[in-house]
């Protein structure tokens, strides 16, 4: 994970969704910055800090992907890719 200052930090992904991810990181992330996030072998994606919680050995963060359009979940209540009833 790289911030705008190009300082890299590593973390452990707890879960990933269409709209973002939750992770544990060793170094505190600045909520004013945008980050480039790489998960596994996938492409890097831009993200910002949605929330964070300090822990004794690091920080648990929720990161929101910046390349997702619309609300997550969609405002109309549909699930993308789901078929009708």
Protein backbone atom coordinates (compact mmCIF):
# COMPACT_ATOMS: atom_id res chain seq x y z
CA UNK A 1 0.00 0.00 0.00
CA UNK A 2 1.52 3.31 -1.06
CA UNK A 3 0.33 6.76 0.00
CA UNK A 4 0.79 10.04 -1.82
CA UNK A 5 4.17 10.35 -0.09
CA UNK A 6 5.21 7.06 -1.82
CA UNK A 7 5.89 5.51 1.58
CA UNK A 8 4.90 1.83 1.45
CA UNK A 9 3.33 -0.18 4.24
CA UNK A 10 2.12 -3.76 4.34
CA UNK A 11 -0.94 -5.21 5.97
CA UNK A 12 -3.27 -8.17 6.24
CA UNK A 13 -6.56 -8.09 4.37
CA UNK A 14 -9.50 -9.18 6.53
CA UNK A 15 -12.15 -8.89 3.80
CA UNK A 16 -12.67 -7.33 0.39
CA UNK A 17 -15.89 -6.15 -1.25
CA UNK A 18 -16.82 -4.27 -4.40
CA UNK A 19 -16.60 -0.98 -2.51
CA UNK A 20 -13.48 -1.43 -0.43
CA UNK A 21 -11.64 -3.53 2.10
CA UNK A 22 -10.89 -3.98 5.78
CA UNK A 23 -7.29 -4.59 6.76
CA UNK A 24 -4.80 -4.57 9.61
CA UNK A 25 -1.75 -2.37 8.97
CA UNK A 26 1.38 -1.92 11.07
CA UNK A 27 1.75 1.81 10.44
CA UNK A 28 -0.97 4.42 10.91
CA UNK A 29 -2.62 5.63 7.70
CA UNK A 30 -3.43 9.31 7.19
CA UNK A 31 -7.15 9.84 6.43
CA UNK A 32 -6.26 12.96 4.41
CA UNK A 33 -4.28 10.94 1.84
CA UNK A 34 -5.23 8.65 -1.01
CA UNK A 35 -3.51 5.27 -1.24
CA UNK A 36 -2.63 2.82 -3.99
CA UNK A 37 -3.68 -0.62 -2.73
CA UNK A 38 -2.60 -4.00 -4.09
CA UNK A 39 -4.43 -7.14 -2.95
CA UNK A 40 -2.98 -10.44 -4.08
CA UNK A 41 -2.18 -10.54 -7.80
CA UNK A 42 -4.89 -8.00 -8.69
CA UNK A 43 -4.19 -4.58 -10.17
CA UNK A 44 -3.42 -1.64 -7.88
CA UNK A 45 -6.48 0.46 -6.99
CA UNK A 46 -6.81 3.95 -5.50
CA UNK A 47 -8.46 4.08 -2.07
CA UNK A 48 -9.02 6.40 0.87
CA UNK A 49 -9.47 5.76 4.58
CA UNK A 50 -13.19 5.46 5.44
CA UNK A 51 -12.57 4.64 9.13
CA UNK A 52 -9.78 3.47 11.39
CA UNK A 53 -9.28 2.02 14.85
CA UNK A 54 -5.93 2.11 16.62
CA UNK A 55 -4.66 -1.10 18.18
CA UNK A 56 -1.59 -1.84 20.31
CA UNK A 57 0.25 -3.42 17.37
CA UNK A 58 -1.08 -1.32 14.49
CA UNK A 59 -4.35 -0.09 13.06
CA UNK A 60 -7.50 -1.69 11.66
CA UNK A 61 -8.73 0.33 8.67
CA UNK A 62 -11.64 0.41 6.31
CA UNK A 63 -10.53 1.61 2.88
CA UNK A 64 -12.98 2.80 0.23
CA UNK A 65 -12.04 2.18 -3.39
CA UNK A 66 -12.18 5.39 -5.42
CA UNK A 67 -12.95 3.71 -8.76
CA UNK A 68 -16.44 2.51 -7.75
CA UNK A 69 -19.34 4.52 -9.17
CA UNK A 70 -22.62 4.95 -7.32
CA UNK A 71 -23.44 3.82 -3.83
CA UNK A 72 -22.41 0.50 -2.34
CA UNK A 73 -24.81 -1.25 -2.19
CA UNK A 74 -26.72 0.41 -5.05
CA UNK A 75 -29.43 2.82 -3.87
CA UNK A 76 -32.14 0.90 -5.74
CA UNK A 77 -31.47 -2.20 -3.63
CA UNK A 78 -30.39 -4.39 -6.55
CA UNK A 79 -27.38 -6.64 -6.46
CA UNK A 80 -25.05 -6.17 -9.45
CA UNK A 81 -24.92 -9.34 -11.54
CA UNK A 82 -27.96 -10.89 -9.86
CA UNK A 83 -30.81 -12.18 -11.96
CA UNK A 84 -34.47 -11.48 -11.27
CA UNK A 85 -36.79 -13.45 -8.94
